[in-house]
Amino acid sequence: MTNAIITNISLLIILSYGYSFLYQKQDKINKNLYNLLSGILFGLICVAGMFLPVHYSNGIIFDGRSIILSIGAFFCGPIVATISVIIASIYRIIIGGGGTFVGLGVIFTSSIIGLLYRQLVNEKNSKKIINLYFLGIAVHVSMMLWMLALPGKSSNDVIIELTLPILIIYPIASVIISKILIDRKIIADSQVQIFANKEKYRLLVNNQIDLLIKLDFKGRFLFASPSYCKTFGVMENDILGNEFLPLVHHCDIEKTIKAKQMLLNPPYTCYFEERAKSENGWRWFAWNNKAVMDKNGEIENIIGLGRDITEQKKAEEALKNSEEKLTLFIKNSNDIYILINKNGKQIFVSDAAYELTGYKTEELMVEFDQLIHPDDLAIVRAKWNEIVNNKDKKIKAEYRHMHKSKGYVWFEAVAQNYFDNPLINAAIINVRDITERKKYDEELKKMKDNLVIEVEEKTKELKERISELEHFYNATIERELRMKEMKDEITLLKSNKSK
């Protein structure tokens, strides 16, 4: 009896492989159709088991349907479980016999236990052998309890004779069939993933802008991406087996060969830039190459990833020229150019500082207020706060700056905040020496002050002279009036005398 049970279960194990082939097609068919076909397949496997069962007595048969139904419900869910239960139940009714009712009970309870177990055990733990084994135990303890419903003495005979073999063999068979399904699923998923990755890789290679090539160690083409072929105006089949170097500019061949030699040593990578003759003329390309080593530590092939950097090279050249012009301008300027960070430290000082302060540039890499005349510190610090708090405003200040041998010299500074500019991240200060101008201003002030004093003195003299003239004028008028009065009196006397 035990051997017959093992034979029946072995048949079911073989038939369960058929589900793996259906699983491989699930991405290509409708989900509802997949569930329908899965349910039919599990149902037919149950039918196959019942078609070649172990006959205990008239109408009482044993097979592996409980295993298949519980596993189908556990892994595939209620739709598949329902379909497989219907098919298995119909065939069990067709077989008939005294064990029909018990057989139907086993069919339903096996599927229900599988569904309940599906709810209790999460997907991560569903693949553990211990959980699969307990599923088999639960299903077949339930099955043996159904044996109590068999008619007559059959119930006791079956329980006594088959309980131990059933509870030993069937849970193990449940684990074996479950592991087969799990492993086949893993293999199928891996194949799907491999195919998807290949497709993604093919799409990536065919549609990427960068150039991808594969060379042997002698530099002969084994593969060239469509982007490479388009860039150089060639067909892949036309260049396979040809060498890479003939396309390289003659001035860059030596460094290309040297870069290739770097592939002989760990980490077996190299980077180089070279000019190559493309369909659009000579262009600059940057290459990152990686050597693929064989099991003997020899280079099997070289994978190269290239990018057209012609525009980048032009931009770098333009930037270099611009930097050279700026450097020459700053170097030959009489003004000092200073960069000061947010902490107030001078992080760059142009060479003109030596001529104007007597200090070398490295001596000036300090906080700016260490070099300012004490009487001007308050003004300069106030101006610095104004610079920090105003991004779009140019701030102007005049102050005295320490000179290494001359005491202090007068500077005029114009500053602007560029702290938000990631390339600068500092305040730019343009400083010029105004010591001579300050001297002229001082002399002019003295001249003005002297002129004011002189004007005041002359004004005072003039006022005194005017006062004297006014006194003389008043005295003269008074005398004239007195003379007139005397003349009038004489005239009056003469007139009276004549009468």
Protein backbone atom coordinates (compact mmCIF):
# COMPACT_ATOMS: atom_id res chain seq x y z
CA MET A 1 0.00 0.00 0.00
CA THR A 2 2.77 2.43 0.93
CA ASN A 3 4.62 1.72 -2.34
CA ALA A 4 1.44 2.35 -4.30
CA ILE A 5 0.94 5.69 -2.55
CA ILE A 6 4.54 6.70 -3.35
CA THR A 7 4.03 5.71 -7.00
CA ASN A 8 0.86 7.81 -7.26
CA ILE A 9 2.55 10.83 -5.69
CA SER A 10 5.58 10.42 -7.99
CA LEU A 11 3.21 10.66 -10.94
CA LEU A 12 1.81 13.92 -9.54
CA ILE A 13 5.32 15.29 -9.01
CA ILE A 14 6.12 14.64 -12.67
CA LEU A 15 2.85 16.20 -13.82
CA SER A 16 3.42 19.29 -11.65
CA TYR A 17 6.34 20.21 -13.92
CA GLY A 18 3.72 21.14 -16.50
CA TYR A 19 2.70 24.15 -14.42
CA SER A 20 6.19 25.64 -14.78
CA PHE A 21 5.77 25.81 -18.55
CA LEU A 22 2.48 27.65 -18.12
CA TYR A 23 4.10 30.02 -15.60
CA GLN A 24 6.73 30.99 -18.18
CA LYS A 25 3.95 32.25 -20.46
CA GLN A 26 2.11 34.36 -17.87
CA ASP A 27 3.51 37.68 -19.16
CA LYS A 28 2.25 36.90 -22.65
CA ILE A 29 -1.37 36.06 -21.78
CA ASN A 30 -4.24 37.79 -20.02
CA LYS A 31 -4.24 37.44 -16.23
CA ASN A 32 -7.77 36.01 -16.11
CA LEU A 33 -6.89 33.50 -18.83
CA TYR A 34 -3.74 32.57 -16.93
CA ASN A 35 -5.77 31.90 -13.76
CA LEU A 36 -8.30 29.85 -15.75
CA LEU A 37 -5.59 27.73 -17.38
CA SER A 38 -3.78 27.29 -14.05
CA GLY A 39 -6.99 26.13 -12.35
CA ILE A 40 -7.71 23.69 -15.19
CA LEU A 41 -4.14 22.39 -15.07
CA PHE A 42 -4.22 21.75 -11.30
CA GLY A 43 -7.65 20.14 -11.70
CA LEU A 44 -6.40 17.84 -14.47
CA ILE A 45 -3.38 16.83 -12.37
CA CYS A 46 -5.85 15.83 -9.63
CA VAL A 47 -7.86 13.87 -12.22
CA ALA A 48 -4.66 12.11 -13.33
CA GLY A 49 -3.96 11.14 -9.73
CA MET A 50 -7.51 9.83 -9.26
CA PHE A 51 -7.33 8.03 -12.61
CA LEU A 52 -4.48 5.88 -11.26
CA PRO A 53 -5.30 5.82 -7.54
CA VAL A 54 -4.43 3.46 -4.72
CA HIS A 55 -7.56 1.31 -4.18
CA TYR A 56 -8.08 0.53 -0.53
CA SER A 57 -11.51 -1.05 -0.93
CA ASN A 58 -14.59 -0.66 -3.09
CA GLY A 59 -15.10 3.09 -3.64
CA ILE A 60 -12.34 4.11 -1.22
CA ILE A 61 -9.27 5.44 -3.04
CA PHE A 62 -6.15 7.37 -2.10
CA ASP A 63 -4.18 9.70 -4.34
CA GLY A 64 -2.34 13.00 -4.18
CA ARG A 65 -5.22 15.37 -4.95
CA SER A 66 -5.05 16.84 -1.41
CA ILE A 67 -1.43 17.84 -2.05
CA ILE A 68 -2.13 19.41 -5.45
CA LEU A 69 -5.26 21.28 -4.32
CA SER A 70 -3.69 22.72 -1.16
CA ILE A 71 -0.54 23.80 -3.00
CA GLY A 72 -2.54 25.29 -5.89
CA ALA A 73 -4.66 27.31 -3.45
CA PHE A 74 -1.61 28.36 -1.41
CA PHE A 75 0.45 29.60 -4.35
CA CYS A 76 -2.20 30.73 -6.85
CA GLY A 77 -5.15 32.03 -4.84
CA PRO A 78 -8.94 31.59 -4.76
CA ILE A 79 -9.73 31.68 -8.50
CA VAL A 80 -7.32 28.87 -9.35
CA ALA A 81 -8.42 26.98 -6.22
CA THR A 82 -12.11 27.20 -7.16
CA ILE A 83 -11.58 25.96 -10.72
CA SER A 84 -9.37 23.05 -9.65
CA VAL A 85 -11.83 22.07 -6.87
CA ILE A 86 -14.73 21.99 -9.34
CA ILE A 87 -12.82 19.76 -11.80
CA ALA A 88 -11.56 17.41 -9.07
CA SER A 89 -15.02 17.20 -7.46
CA ILE A 90 -16.75 16.36 -10.74
CA TYR A 91 -14.33 13.54 -11.47
CA ARG A 92 -14.59 12.20 -7.89
CA ILE A 93 -18.39 12.10 -8.23
CA ILE A 94 -18.00 10.25 -11.53
CA ILE A 95 -15.80 7.64 -9.83
CA GLY A 96 -18.43 7.21 -7.11
CA GLY A 97 -18.31 4.56 -4.40
CA GLY A 98 -18.66 4.57 -0.64
CA GLY A 99 -15.88 7.09 -0.14
CA THR A 100 -17.34 9.77 -2.45
CA PHE A 101 -18.61 12.02 0.35
CA VAL A 102 -15.31 11.78 2.24
CA GLY A 103 -13.39 12.34 -1.00
CA LEU A 104 -15.33 15.52 -1.70
CA GLY A 105 -14.75 16.68 1.87
CA VAL A 106 -11.00 16.15 1.46
CA ILE A 107 -11.07 18.13 -1.81
CA PHE A 108 -12.80 21.12 -0.25
CA THR A 109 -10.90 21.19 3.05
CA SER A 110 -7.51 20.79 1.31
CA SER A 111 -8.22 23.83 -0.85
CA ILE A 112 -9.63 25.87 2.06
CA ILE A 113 -6.60 25.11 4.27
CA GLY A 114 -4.32 26.18 1.41
CA LEU A 115 -6.19 29.50 1.08
CA LEU A 116 -6.14 30.13 4.84
CA TYR A 117 -2.43 29.35 4.98
CA ARG A 118 -1.93 31.81 2.11
CA GLN A 119 -3.44 34.55 4.30
CA LEU A 120 -1.44 33.62 7.39
CA VAL A 121 2.01 33.23 5.81
CA ASN A 122 3.51 36.22 3.98
CA GLU A 123 5.19 35.83 0.60
CA LYS A 124 8.70 36.00 2.03
CA ASN A 125 8.09 33.08 4.42
CA SER A 126 6.01 31.06 1.96
CA LYS A 127 9.17 29.53 0.46
CA LYS A 128 10.53 28.21 3.75
CA ILE A 129 10.54 24.41 3.98
CA ILE A 130 9.24 24.40 7.55
CA ASN A 131 6.14 26.38 6.54
CA LEU A 132 5.52 24.12 3.54
CA TYR A 133 5.87 21.06 5.76
CA PHE A 134 3.36 22.38 8.31
CA LEU A 135 0.95 23.08 5.45
CA GLY A 136 1.24 19.40 4.45
CA ILE A 137 0.71 18.30 8.06
CA ALA A 138 -2.40 20.50 8.48
CA VAL A 139 -3.98 19.30 5.23
CA HIS A 140 -3.41 15.62 5.90
CA VAL A 141 -4.40 15.67 9.55
CA SER A 142 -7.65 17.13 8.25
CA MET A 143 -7.81 14.38 5.62
CA MET A 144 -7.40 11.66 8.25
CA LEU A 145 -10.13 13.26 10.35
CA TRP A 146 -12.42 12.92 7.33
CA MET A 147 -11.74 9.16 7.43
CA LEU A 148 -13.95 9.02 10.52
CA ALA A 149 -16.89 9.63 8.17
CA LEU A 150 -16.25 6.46 6.12
CA PRO A 151 -19.05 3.86 6.31
CA GLY A 152 -18.83 0.75 8.49
CA LYS A 153 -15.55 -0.65 9.75
CA SER A 154 -13.64 0.99 6.91
CA SER A 155 -13.14 4.06 9.06
CA ASN A 156 -11.17 2.32 11.82
CA ASP A 157 -9.24 0.12 9.38
CA VAL A 158 -8.11 3.08 7.27
CA ILE A 159 -7.11 5.17 10.29
CA ILE A 160 -5.13 2.32 11.86
CA GLU A 161 -3.45 1.20 8.66
CA LEU A 162 -2.80 4.48 6.80
CA THR A 163 -2.48 7.33 9.33
CA LEU A 164 1.26 6.88 9.85
CA PRO A 165 2.20 6.45 6.15
CA ILE A 166 -0.06 9.35 5.15
CA LEU A 167 1.33 11.74 7.78
CA ILE A 168 4.90 10.77 6.88
CA ILE A 169 4.75 10.60 3.08
CA TYR A 170 2.17 13.25 2.13
CA PRO A 171 3.71 16.28 3.97
CA ILE A 172 7.11 15.38 2.49
CA ALA A 173 5.51 15.11 -0.94
CA SER A 174 3.88 18.53 -0.34
CA VAL A 175 7.31 20.00 0.36
CA ILE A 176 8.85 18.33 -2.72
CA ILE A 177 6.12 19.49 -5.11
CA SER A 178 6.13 22.99 -3.57
CA LYS A 179 9.90 23.27 -3.96
CA ILE A 180 9.61 22.09 -7.56
CA LEU A 181 7.06 24.81 -8.27
CA ILE A 182 9.11 27.44 -6.41
CA ASP A 183 12.35 26.48 -8.17
CA ARG A 184 10.67 26.41 -11.55
CA LYS A 185 9.17 29.82 -10.81
CA ILE A 186 12.59 31.16 -9.86
CA ILE A 187 14.09 29.73 -13.05
CA ALA A 188 11.25 31.13 -15.14
CA ASP A 189 11.53 34.56 -13.46
CA SER A 190 15.29 34.49 -14.01
CA GLN A 191 14.85 33.67 -17.67
CA VAL A 192 12.32 36.47 -18.05
CA GLN A 193 14.69 38.84 -16.24
CA ILE A 194 17.63 37.73 -18.36
CA PHE A 195 15.61 38.27 -21.51
CA ALA A 196 14.43 41.67 -20.24
CA ASN A 197 17.99 42.65 -19.34
CA LYS A 198 19.23 41.56 -22.75
CA GLU A 199 16.50 43.61 -24.37
CA LYS A 200 17.31 46.62 -22.18
CA TYR A 201 21.01 46.20 -22.96
CA ARG A 202 20.27 45.97 -26.67
CA LEU A 203 18.08 49.09 -26.53
CA LEU A 204 20.69 50.88 -24.44
CA VAL A 205 23.50 50.05 -26.84
CA ASN A 206 21.46 50.86 -29.94
CA ASN A 207 20.11 54.16 -28.65
CA GLN A 208 22.86 55.64 -26.53
CA ILE A 209 24.78 58.69 -27.69
CA ASP A 210 28.10 57.45 -26.30
CA LEU A 211 30.23 55.17 -28.44
CA LEU A 212 30.65 51.55 -27.39
CA ILE A 213 33.26 49.25 -28.91
CA LYS A 214 34.80 45.89 -28.16
CA LEU A 215 38.37 45.17 -29.26
CA ASP A 216 40.77 42.28 -28.95
CA PHE A 217 44.14 42.97 -27.31
CA LYS A 218 45.67 43.80 -30.69
CA GLY A 219 43.12 46.58 -31.09
CA ARG A 220 40.95 44.90 -33.71
CA PHE A 221 37.20 45.49 -33.70
CA LEU A 222 34.99 42.73 -32.31
CA PHE A 223 31.92 44.95 -31.92
CA ALA A 224 30.89 48.55 -32.65
CA SER A 225 27.67 50.17 -31.46
CA PRO A 226 25.31 51.89 -33.93
CA SER A 227 26.32 55.26 -32.45
CA TYR A 228 29.99 54.53 -33.26
CA CYS A 229 29.16 53.44 -36.80
CA LYS A 230 27.04 56.55 -37.35
CA THR A 231 29.77 58.85 -35.99
CA PHE A 232 32.43 57.40 -38.28
CA GLY A 233 30.16 56.72 -41.25
CA VAL A 234 30.83 52.98 -41.40
CA MET A 235 28.93 49.69 -41.22
CA GLU A 236 29.79 47.36 -38.35
CA ASN A 237 30.47 44.40 -40.66
CA ASP A 238 32.93 46.51 -42.65
CA ILE A 239 35.18 47.27 -39.66
CA LEU A 240 35.05 43.97 -37.73
CA GLY A 241 38.59 42.60 -37.67
CA ASN A 242 40.11 45.97 -38.62
CA GLU A 243 42.41 47.87 -36.26
CA PHE A 244 41.33 50.89 -34.25
CA LEU A 245 44.56 52.92 -34.56
CA PRO A 246 44.38 53.95 -38.26
CA LEU A 247 41.46 56.25 -37.39
CA VAL A 248 43.50 58.07 -34.71
CA HIS A 249 45.28 61.37 -35.45
CA HIS A 250 49.01 60.79 -35.93
CA CYS A 251 49.84 63.21 -33.09
CA ASP A 252 47.76 61.13 -30.65
CA ILE A 253 48.84 57.60 -31.63
CA GLU A 254 51.69 57.45 -29.10
CA LYS A 255 49.56 58.39 -26.09
CA THR A 256 46.83 55.99 -27.26
CA ILE A 257 49.36 53.13 -27.27
CA LYS A 258 50.66 54.17 -23.82
CA ALA A 259 47.11 54.20 -22.46
CA LYS A 260 46.58 50.69 -23.81
CA GLN A 261 49.62 49.46 -21.85
CA MET A 262 47.89 50.57 -18.61
CA LEU A 263 45.34 47.81 -19.20
CA LEU A 264 48.01 45.23 -18.36
CA ASN A 265 48.03 46.22 -14.68
CA PRO A 266 45.28 46.51 -12.04
CA PRO A 267 42.69 47.97 -12.08
CA TYR A 268 42.94 47.17 -15.83
CA THR A 269 41.41 50.47 -16.88
CA CYS A 270 42.63 53.53 -18.73
CA TYR A 271 41.40 56.96 -19.80
CA PHE A 272 42.72 59.01 -22.68
CA GLU A 273 41.66 61.74 -25.08
CA GLU A 274 42.49 61.60 -28.76
CA ARG A 275 41.49 63.00 -32.11
CA ALA A 276 39.96 60.68 -34.67
CA LYS A 277 38.78 61.09 -38.26
CA SER A 278 34.98 61.00 -38.09
CA GLU A 279 32.41 61.52 -40.81
CA ASN A 280 32.43 65.23 -39.85
CA GLY A 281 36.21 65.56 -39.92
CA TRP A 282 38.69 65.47 -37.05
CA ARG A 283 36.92 65.35 -33.70
CA TRP A 284 38.09 64.99 -30.10
CA PHE A 285 37.01 61.82 -28.25
CA ALA A 286 37.42 60.77 -24.62
CA TRP A 287 37.75 57.02 -24.03
CA ASN A 288 37.26 54.98 -20.87
CA ASN A 289 38.59 51.48 -21.54
CA LYS A 290 38.29 48.36 -19.41
CA ALA A 291 40.17 45.10 -19.99
CA VAL A 292 38.18 41.87 -19.58
CA MET A 293 40.48 39.19 -18.19
CA ASP A 294 40.23 35.44 -18.83
CA LYS A 295 40.71 32.76 -16.17
CA ASN A 296 44.48 32.79 -16.80
CA GLY A 297 44.76 36.51 -16.08
CA GLU A 298 45.27 37.38 -19.74
CA ILE A 299 43.37 40.11 -21.56
CA GLU A 300 40.50 38.48 -23.43
CA ASN A 301 39.09 41.68 -24.89
CA ILE A 302 38.80 45.42 -24.28
CA ILE A 303 35.54 47.29 -23.75
CA GLY A 304 35.76 50.95 -24.74
CA LEU A 305 33.22 53.66 -23.95
CA GLY A 306 33.82 56.87 -25.89
CA ARG A 307 32.28 60.31 -26.05
CA ASP A 308 32.67 63.20 -28.49
CA ILE A 309 34.23 66.03 -26.45
CA THR A 310 35.03 68.39 -29.33
CA GLU A 311 32.74 71.14 -28.05
CA GLN A 312 34.10 70.66 -24.55
CA LYS A 313 37.64 71.02 -25.90
CA LYS A 314 36.67 74.21 -27.71
CA ALA A 315 35.11 75.56 -24.53
CA GLU A 316 38.21 74.60 -22.53
CA GLU A 317 40.44 76.34 -25.08
CA ALA A 318 38.25 79.45 -25.01
CA LEU A 319 38.29 79.39 -21.22
CA LYS A 320 42.06 78.95 -21.20
CA ASN A 321 42.50 81.94 -23.53
CA SER A 322 40.11 83.98 -21.42
CA GLU A 323 41.97 83.03 -18.24
CA GLU A 324 45.31 83.94 -19.82
CA LYS A 325 43.96 87.33 -20.87
CA LEU A 326 42.50 87.92 -17.42
CA THR A 327 45.75 86.83 -15.77
CA LEU A 328 47.78 89.19 -17.96
CA PHE A 329 45.33 92.01 -17.29
CA ILE A 330 45.48 91.52 -13.52
CA LYS A 331 49.25 90.98 -13.53
CA ASN A 332 49.94 94.17 -15.48
CA SER A 333 47.35 96.33 -13.77
CA ASN A 334 48.41 99.03 -11.32
CA ASP A 335 45.34 98.24 -9.25
CA ILE A 336 45.15 95.46 -6.67
CA TYR A 337 42.51 92.74 -7.10
CA ILE A 338 41.48 90.96 -3.92
CA LEU A 339 39.11 88.09 -3.10
CA ILE A 340 37.77 88.04 0.46
CA ASN A 341 35.70 85.14 1.82
CA LYS A 342 32.69 85.44 4.10
CA ASN A 343 34.93 85.33 7.17
CA GLY A 344 36.73 88.45 6.02
CA LYS A 345 39.95 86.63 5.11
CA GLN A 346 41.83 87.63 1.99
CA ILE A 347 42.13 84.45 -0.10
CA PHE A 348 43.61 86.01 -3.23
CA VAL A 349 45.68 89.15 -3.73
CA SER A 350 47.12 90.17 -7.11
CA ASP A 351 50.83 90.85 -7.63
CA ALA A 352 50.32 94.63 -7.71
CA ALA A 353 49.93 94.51 -3.92
CA TYR A 354 53.70 94.17 -3.50
CA GLU A 355 54.32 97.45 -5.32
CA LEU A 356 51.66 99.29 -3.35
CA THR A 357 52.08 97.80 0.15
CA GLY A 358 55.57 96.31 0.25
CA TYR A 359 54.08 92.98 1.37
CA LYS A 360 54.29 89.74 -0.61
CA THR A 361 50.94 88.21 -1.53
CA GLU A 362 51.33 85.33 0.93
CA GLU A 363 51.87 87.86 3.76
CA LEU A 364 48.49 89.41 2.97
CA MET A 365 46.46 86.19 3.37
CA VAL A 366 44.99 87.40 6.65
CA GLU A 367 41.78 89.04 7.79
CA PHE A 368 41.60 92.41 6.11
CA ASP A 369 41.01 94.45 9.29
CA GLN A 370 44.50 93.54 10.55
CA LEU A 371 45.95 95.84 7.89
CA ILE A 372 43.68 98.88 8.33
CA HIS A 373 44.57 102.08 10.19
CA PRO A 374 42.88 102.03 13.64
CA ASP A 375 41.09 105.33 12.94
CA ASP A 376 39.52 103.86 9.78
CA LEU A 377 38.50 100.45 11.18
CA ALA A 378 34.96 101.44 12.13
CA ILE A 379 34.26 102.84 8.65
CA VAL A 380 35.77 99.81 6.87
CA ARG A 381 33.87 97.30 9.03
CA ALA A 382 30.61 99.16 8.38
CA LYS A 383 31.33 99.05 4.65
CA TRP A 384 32.11 95.31 4.88
CA ASN A 385 28.73 94.63 6.51
CA GLU A 386 27.14 96.61 3.71
CA ILE A 387 28.95 94.44 1.14
CA VAL A 388 27.82 91.21 2.83
CA ASN A 389 24.18 92.30 2.93
CA ASN A 390 23.93 93.69 -0.62
CA LYS A 391 24.43 91.36 -3.58
CA ASP A 392 23.75 93.77 -6.43
CA LYS A 393 25.34 96.94 -5.14
CA LYS A 394 28.91 98.17 -5.55
CA ILE A 395 30.30 99.59 -2.31
CA LYS A 396 33.02 102.24 -2.28
CA ALA A 397 35.36 103.13 0.59
CA GLU A 398 38.53 105.14 1.28
CA TYR A 399 40.89 104.13 4.07
CA ARG A 400 44.51 103.93 5.14
CA HIS A 401 46.28 100.60 4.59
CA MET A 402 49.46 99.45 6.29
CA HIS A 403 52.66 99.67 4.23
CA LYS A 404 55.62 97.51 5.18
CA SER A 405 58.11 100.40 5.17
CA LYS A 406 56.13 103.63 4.68
CA GLY A 407 53.67 103.45 7.54
CA TYR A 408 50.24 103.85 5.94
CA VAL A 409 49.09 104.58 2.40
CA TRP A 410 45.68 105.73 1.27
CA PHE A 411 43.55 103.26 -0.73
CA GLU A 412 40.25 103.57 -2.56
CA ALA A 413 38.33 100.27 -2.83
CA VAL A 414 35.28 99.30 -4.89
CA ALA A 415 33.74 95.98 -3.80
CA GLN A 416 30.86 93.71 -4.81
CA ASN A 417 29.36 90.59 -3.23
CA TYR A 418 29.74 87.35 -5.24
CA PHE A 419 29.20 84.91 -2.38
CA ASP A 420 26.31 83.22 -4.22
CA ASN A 421 28.43 82.56 -7.30
CA PRO A 422 29.78 78.98 -6.88
CA LEU A 423 32.78 79.74 -9.10
CA ILE A 424 33.88 82.71 -6.94
CA ASN A 425 32.20 82.43 -3.52
CA ALA A 426 33.87 85.63 -2.36
CA ALA A 427 33.70 89.41 -2.52
CA ILE A 428 35.74 90.97 -5.32
CA ILE A 429 37.64 94.10 -4.30
CA ASN A 430 39.31 96.48 -6.77
CA VAL A 431 41.84 98.64 -4.89
CA ARG A 432 43.93 101.56 -6.09
CA ASP A 433 46.48 103.79 -4.35
CA ILE A 434 45.15 107.34 -3.83
CA THR A 435 47.95 108.55 -1.55
CA GLU A 436 49.10 111.22 -4.03
CA ARG A 437 45.54 112.32 -4.62
CA LYS A 438 45.05 112.60 -0.87
CA LYS A 439 48.21 114.75 -0.69
CA TYR A 440 46.88 117.03 -3.42
CA ASP A 441 43.54 117.15 -1.64
CA GLU A 442 45.32 118.10 1.58
CA GLU A 443 47.38 120.79 -0.16
CA LEU A 444 44.25 122.08 -1.87
CA LYS A 445 42.50 122.19 1.48
CA LYS A 446 45.40 124.13 2.99
CA MET A 447 45.36 126.56 0.07
CA LYS A 448 41.64 126.98 0.50
CA ASP A 449 42.01 127.53 4.23
CA ASN A 450 44.81 130.09 3.64
CA LEU A 451 42.74 131.85 1.03
CA VAL A 452 39.81 132.04 3.42
CA ILE A 453 42.06 133.55 6.10
CA GLU A 454 43.53 136.03 3.63
CA VAL A 455 40.08 137.01 2.39
CA GLU A 456 38.93 137.46 5.97
CA GLU A 457 41.94 139.70 6.71
CA LYS A 458 41.41 141.77 3.57
CA THR A 459 37.73 142.05 4.38
CA LYS A 460 38.58 143.31 7.85
CA GLU A 461 40.99 145.91 6.41
CA LEU A 462 38.40 146.97 3.90
CA LYS A 463 35.79 147.37 6.59
CA GLU A 464 38.17 149.52 8.63
CA ARG A 465 38.94 151.69 5.57
CA ILE A 466 35.27 152.05 4.82
CA SER A 467 34.69 153.07 8.41
CA GLU A 468 37.41 155.73 8.14
CA LEU A 469 35.96 156.98 4.87
CA GLU A 470 32.52 157.14 6.38
CA HIS A 471 33.91 159.17 9.31
CA PHE A 472 35.74 161.53 6.92
CA TYR A 473 32.64 161.86 4.79
CA ASN A 474 30.49 162.66 7.76
CA ALA A 475 33.02 165.23 9.01
CA THR A 476 33.22 166.88 5.57
CA ILE A 477 29.45 167.11 5.25
CA GLU A 478 29.16 168.60 8.71
CA ARG A 479 31.80 171.25 7.85
CA GLU A 480 30.06 172.09 4.60
CA LEU A 481 26.77 172.48 6.39
CA ARG A 482 28.41 174.69 8.99
CA MET A 483 29.95 176.86 6.25
CA LYS A 484 26.59 177.19 4.56
CA GLU A 485 24.97 178.25 7.81
CA MET A 486 27.67 180.88 8.34
CA LYS A 487 27.20 182.18 4.80
CA ASP A 488 23.48 182.39 5.35
CA GLU A 489 24.00 184.35 8.60
CA ILE A 490 26.41 186.82 6.90
CA THR A 491 23.95 187.35 4.09
CA LEU A 492 21.18 187.96 6.59
CA LEU A 493 23.29 190.47 8.54
CA LYS A 494 24.19 192.39 5.38
CA SER A 495 20.56 192.54 4.43
CA ASN A 496 19.52 193.93 7.81
CA LYS A 497 22.27 196.53 7.76
CA SER A 498 21.14 197.91 4.40
CA LYS A 499 17.71 198.55 5.73
